[in-house]
Structure formats: C-alpha cells, structure tokens
C-alpha cells in the first residue's frame, strides 16, 4: 500500500464550518430535538469565531425545572 499524504485547505474548511449550509444542518438537528421536547424550549443559532453553533435552551421556569429533573435536552438531542 502506498503512503498517502492528505492536506486540508484550511481556508476552505473554515469557510465550510461558517457557511449558511452548515447553519441549516445545525438548525435541523436542533429542531429535531425541539420536536421531542414539551413547550417552553427554544432554538437559537449564531456564527461564532470558528463555526456555526445551534442551541436548544429552556426558556420558561417549568422547562428549566423539567430539564433539571429529567435531563430533557440531553435525552432529546441523543434521540
């Protein structure tokens, strides 16, 4: 077997990780998790310095309590 050397285009990878396409992929995962949760949870997304981030967050008091007692967000993300 021949030795193969792979080098990534760092600028291209950075552009990919910060792209709108990657943001829509992250939002799809977050919205799938949100669909498994009761009312009171919210999805947000933003572009950070290195990559796009999507977040599922408990907004209401009842949702925060539910998440503390049952670890609901983690269970919904693992799906």
N, C-alpha and C. Protein backbone atom coordinates (compact mmCIF):
# COMPACT_ATOMS: atom_id res chain seq x y z
N UNK A 1 0.83 -1.16 0.00
CA UNK A 1 0.00 0.00 0.00
C UNK A 1 0.89 1.25 0.00
N UNK A 2 0.54 2.21 -0.78
CA UNK A 2 1.34 3.43 -0.89
C UNK A 2 1.05 4.38 0.26
N UNK A 3 2.05 5.15 0.61
CA UNK A 3 1.85 6.18 1.63
C UNK A 3 1.10 7.35 1.00
N UNK A 4 0.03 7.74 1.64
CA UNK A 4 -0.79 8.83 1.12
C UNK A 4 -0.76 9.98 2.13
N UNK A 5 -0.48 11.16 1.64
CA UNK A 5 -0.47 12.34 2.50
C UNK A 5 -1.63 13.24 2.08
N UNK A 6 -2.47 13.58 3.05
CA UNK A 6 -3.62 14.43 2.79
C UNK A 6 -3.41 15.74 3.52
N UNK A 7 -3.59 16.83 2.81
CA UNK A 7 -3.52 18.14 3.47
C UNK A 7 -4.81 18.89 3.18
N UNK A 8 -5.40 19.43 4.24
CA UNK A 8 -6.66 20.14 4.11
C UNK A 8 -6.41 21.59 3.72
N UNK A 9 -7.33 22.11 2.96
CA UNK A 9 -7.33 23.52 2.63
C UNK A 9 -7.98 24.23 3.82
N UNK A 10 -7.18 24.84 4.68
CA UNK A 10 -7.66 25.40 5.94
C UNK A 10 -8.69 26.51 5.72
N UNK A 11 -8.46 27.32 4.73
CA UNK A 11 -9.41 28.41 4.44
C UNK A 11 -10.74 27.84 3.96
N UNK A 12 -10.69 26.78 3.18
CA UNK A 12 -11.91 26.13 2.69
C UNK A 12 -12.70 25.48 3.82
N UNK A 13 -12.01 24.82 4.73
CA UNK A 13 -12.67 24.18 5.87
C UNK A 13 -13.29 25.24 6.77
N UNK A 14 -12.58 26.35 7.00
CA UNK A 14 -13.11 27.45 7.82
C UNK A 14 -14.36 28.03 7.17
N UNK A 15 -14.31 28.21 5.87
CA UNK A 15 -15.47 28.73 5.15
C UNK A 15 -16.65 27.77 5.23
N UNK A 16 -16.39 26.47 5.12
CA UNK A 16 -17.44 25.47 5.21
C UNK A 16 -18.08 25.47 6.59
N UNK A 17 -17.28 25.52 7.66
CA UNK A 17 -17.81 25.47 9.01
C UNK A 17 -18.62 26.71 9.37
N UNK A 18 -18.39 27.82 8.68
CA UNK A 18 -19.11 29.06 8.96
C UNK A 18 -20.19 29.37 7.92
N UNK A 19 -20.48 28.45 7.03
CA UNK A 19 -21.41 28.69 5.93
C UNK A 19 -22.87 28.59 6.36
N UNK A 20 -23.75 29.13 5.53
CA UNK A 20 -25.20 29.05 5.76
C UNK A 20 -25.69 27.61 5.63
N UNK A 21 -25.07 26.81 4.79
CA UNK A 21 -25.45 25.41 4.65
C UNK A 21 -25.22 24.66 5.95
N UNK A 22 -24.07 24.92 6.60
CA UNK A 22 -23.79 24.27 7.88
C UNK A 22 -24.75 24.77 8.95
N UNK A 23 -25.13 26.04 8.87
CA UNK A 23 -26.09 26.59 9.83
C UNK A 23 -27.44 25.89 9.69
N UNK A 24 -27.86 25.62 8.45
CA UNK A 24 -29.14 24.93 8.26
C UNK A 24 -29.07 23.49 8.75
N UNK A 25 -27.93 22.83 8.60
CA UNK A 25 -27.77 21.47 9.11
C UNK A 25 -27.86 21.46 10.63
N UNK A 26 -27.18 22.41 11.28
CA UNK A 26 -27.24 22.50 12.75
C UNK A 26 -28.65 22.82 13.22
N UNK A 27 -29.34 23.71 12.51
CA UNK A 27 -30.71 24.05 12.88
C UNK A 27 -31.64 22.85 12.73
N UNK A 28 -31.41 22.01 11.71
CA UNK A 28 -32.21 20.80 11.54
C UNK A 28 -32.06 19.87 12.75
N UNK A 29 -30.82 19.66 13.20
CA UNK A 29 -30.59 18.82 14.37
C UNK A 29 -31.25 19.41 15.61
N UNK A 30 -31.12 20.72 15.79
CA UNK A 30 -31.71 21.37 16.97
C UNK A 30 -33.23 21.33 16.91
N UNK A 31 -33.82 21.54 15.74
CA UNK A 31 -35.27 21.50 15.61
C UNK A 31 -35.82 20.09 15.79
N UNK A 32 -35.06 19.07 15.39
CA UNK A 32 -35.46 17.68 15.64
C UNK A 32 -35.50 17.42 17.15
N UNK A 33 -34.52 17.93 17.88
CA UNK A 33 -34.51 17.77 19.33
C UNK A 33 -35.67 18.56 19.94
N UNK A 34 -35.93 19.75 19.42
CA UNK A 34 -37.02 20.58 19.94
C UNK A 34 -38.37 19.91 19.76
N UNK A 35 -38.53 19.16 18.69
CA UNK A 35 -39.81 18.48 18.45
C UNK A 35 -40.07 17.38 19.48
N UNK A 36 -39.04 16.89 20.15
CA UNK A 36 -39.19 15.85 21.18
C UNK A 36 -39.40 16.44 22.57
N UNK A 37 -39.37 17.77 22.68
CA UNK A 37 -39.48 18.43 23.98
C UNK A 37 -40.85 19.08 24.13
N UNK A 38 -41.31 19.25 25.38
CA UNK A 38 -42.58 19.96 25.60
C UNK A 38 -42.40 21.46 25.38
N UNK A 39 -43.47 22.22 25.57
CA UNK A 39 -43.42 23.67 25.40
C UNK A 39 -42.46 24.30 26.40
N UNK A 40 -41.91 25.44 26.02
CA UNK A 40 -41.03 26.18 26.91
C UNK A 40 -39.57 26.13 26.50
N UNK A 41 -39.25 25.43 25.45
CA UNK A 41 -37.88 25.34 24.96
C UNK A 41 -37.76 26.15 23.67
N UNK A 42 -36.55 26.62 23.37
CA UNK A 42 -36.32 27.47 22.21
C UNK A 42 -35.00 27.10 21.54
N UNK A 43 -34.94 27.30 20.23
CA UNK A 43 -33.73 27.04 19.45
C UNK A 43 -33.17 28.36 18.95
N UNK A 44 -31.87 28.55 19.11
CA UNK A 44 -31.18 29.71 18.56
C UNK A 44 -29.93 29.23 17.84
N UNK A 45 -29.45 30.03 16.90
CA UNK A 45 -28.22 29.71 16.18
C UNK A 45 -27.44 31.00 15.95
N UNK A 46 -26.12 30.88 16.00
CA UNK A 46 -25.27 32.02 15.69
C UNK A 46 -23.95 31.52 15.12
N UNK A 47 -23.25 32.41 14.45
CA UNK A 47 -21.96 32.09 13.88
C UNK A 47 -20.89 32.61 14.83
N UNK A 48 -20.09 31.69 15.34
CA UNK A 48 -19.01 32.06 16.25
C UNK A 48 -17.75 32.37 15.47
N UNK A 49 -16.64 32.43 16.17
CA UNK A 49 -15.38 32.76 15.50
C UNK A 49 -14.88 31.61 14.65
N UNK A 50 -15.19 30.38 15.04
CA UNK A 50 -14.68 29.22 14.30
C UNK A 50 -15.74 28.46 13.53
N UNK A 51 -16.96 28.42 14.04
CA UNK A 51 -18.00 27.61 13.41
C UNK A 51 -19.38 28.11 13.80
N UNK A 52 -20.38 27.52 13.16
CA UNK A 52 -21.77 27.83 13.45
C UNK A 52 -22.20 27.00 14.65
N UNK A 53 -23.00 27.60 15.53
CA UNK A 53 -23.50 26.91 16.71
C UNK A 53 -25.01 27.01 16.76
N UNK A 54 -25.66 25.91 17.14
CA UNK A 54 -27.10 25.91 17.38
C UNK A 54 -27.31 25.48 18.82
N UNK A 55 -28.30 26.08 19.47
CA UNK A 55 -28.51 25.85 20.89
C UNK A 55 -29.98 25.59 21.16
N UNK A 56 -30.26 24.57 21.98
CA UNK A 56 -31.60 24.33 22.49
C UNK A 56 -31.58 24.77 23.94
N UNK A 57 -32.50 25.68 24.30
CA UNK A 57 -32.46 26.30 25.61
C UNK A 57 -33.83 26.27 26.25
N UNK A 58 -33.86 26.04 27.55
CA UNK A 58 -35.10 26.09 28.32
C UNK A 58 -35.39 27.55 28.65
N UNK A 59 -36.51 28.05 28.18
CA UNK A 59 -36.85 29.46 28.36
C UNK A 59 -37.74 29.71 29.57
N UNK A 60 -38.71 28.87 29.81
CA UNK A 60 -39.65 29.11 30.90
C UNK A 60 -39.17 28.42 32.18
N UNK A 61 -39.76 28.83 33.30
CA UNK A 61 -39.41 28.22 34.58
C UNK A 61 -39.75 26.73 34.58
N UNK A 62 -40.91 26.38 34.03
CA UNK A 62 -41.32 24.97 34.00
C UNK A 62 -40.36 24.14 33.15
N UNK A 63 -39.91 24.70 32.05
CA UNK A 63 -38.97 23.97 31.19
C UNK A 63 -37.62 23.82 31.87
N UNK A 64 -37.15 24.86 32.55
CA UNK A 64 -35.88 24.75 33.28
C UNK A 64 -35.96 23.70 34.37
N UNK A 65 -37.07 23.67 35.07
CA UNK A 65 -37.25 22.67 36.13
C UNK A 65 -37.31 21.27 35.54
N UNK A 66 -38.04 21.11 34.44
CA UNK A 66 -38.13 19.82 33.76
C UNK A 66 -36.75 19.35 33.32
N UNK A 67 -35.97 20.25 32.77
CA UNK A 67 -34.64 19.88 32.31
C UNK A 67 -33.73 19.51 33.47
N UNK A 68 -33.83 20.21 34.59
CA UNK A 68 -33.01 19.87 35.76
C UNK A 68 -33.38 18.51 36.35
N UNK A 69 -34.67 18.22 36.39
CA UNK A 69 -35.12 16.95 36.98
C UNK A 69 -34.88 15.75 36.07
N UNK A 70 -35.12 15.95 34.75
CA UNK A 70 -35.14 14.81 33.83
C UNK A 70 -34.03 14.82 32.79
N UNK A 71 -33.22 15.87 32.75
CA UNK A 71 -32.17 15.99 31.72
C UNK A 71 -32.78 15.92 30.32
N UNK A 72 -33.86 16.62 30.13
CA UNK A 72 -34.68 16.50 28.92
C UNK A 72 -33.94 16.89 27.65
N UNK A 73 -33.16 17.97 27.69
CA UNK A 73 -32.47 18.42 26.47
C UNK A 73 -31.47 17.37 26.02
N UNK A 74 -30.71 16.84 26.93
CA UNK A 74 -29.72 15.81 26.57
C UNK A 74 -30.40 14.59 25.98
N UNK A 75 -31.49 14.16 26.56
CA UNK A 75 -32.21 13.00 26.04
C UNK A 75 -32.80 13.28 24.67
N UNK A 76 -33.28 14.51 24.44
CA UNK A 76 -33.86 14.86 23.14
C UNK A 76 -32.79 14.94 22.06
N UNK A 77 -31.62 15.42 22.41
CA UNK A 77 -30.53 15.52 21.43
C UNK A 77 -30.02 14.14 21.05
N UNK A 78 -29.90 13.25 22.03
CA UNK A 78 -29.45 11.89 21.75
C UNK A 78 -30.47 11.12 20.94
N UNK A 79 -31.73 11.49 21.08
CA UNK A 79 -32.85 10.99 20.32
C UNK A 79 -33.05 9.55 20.25
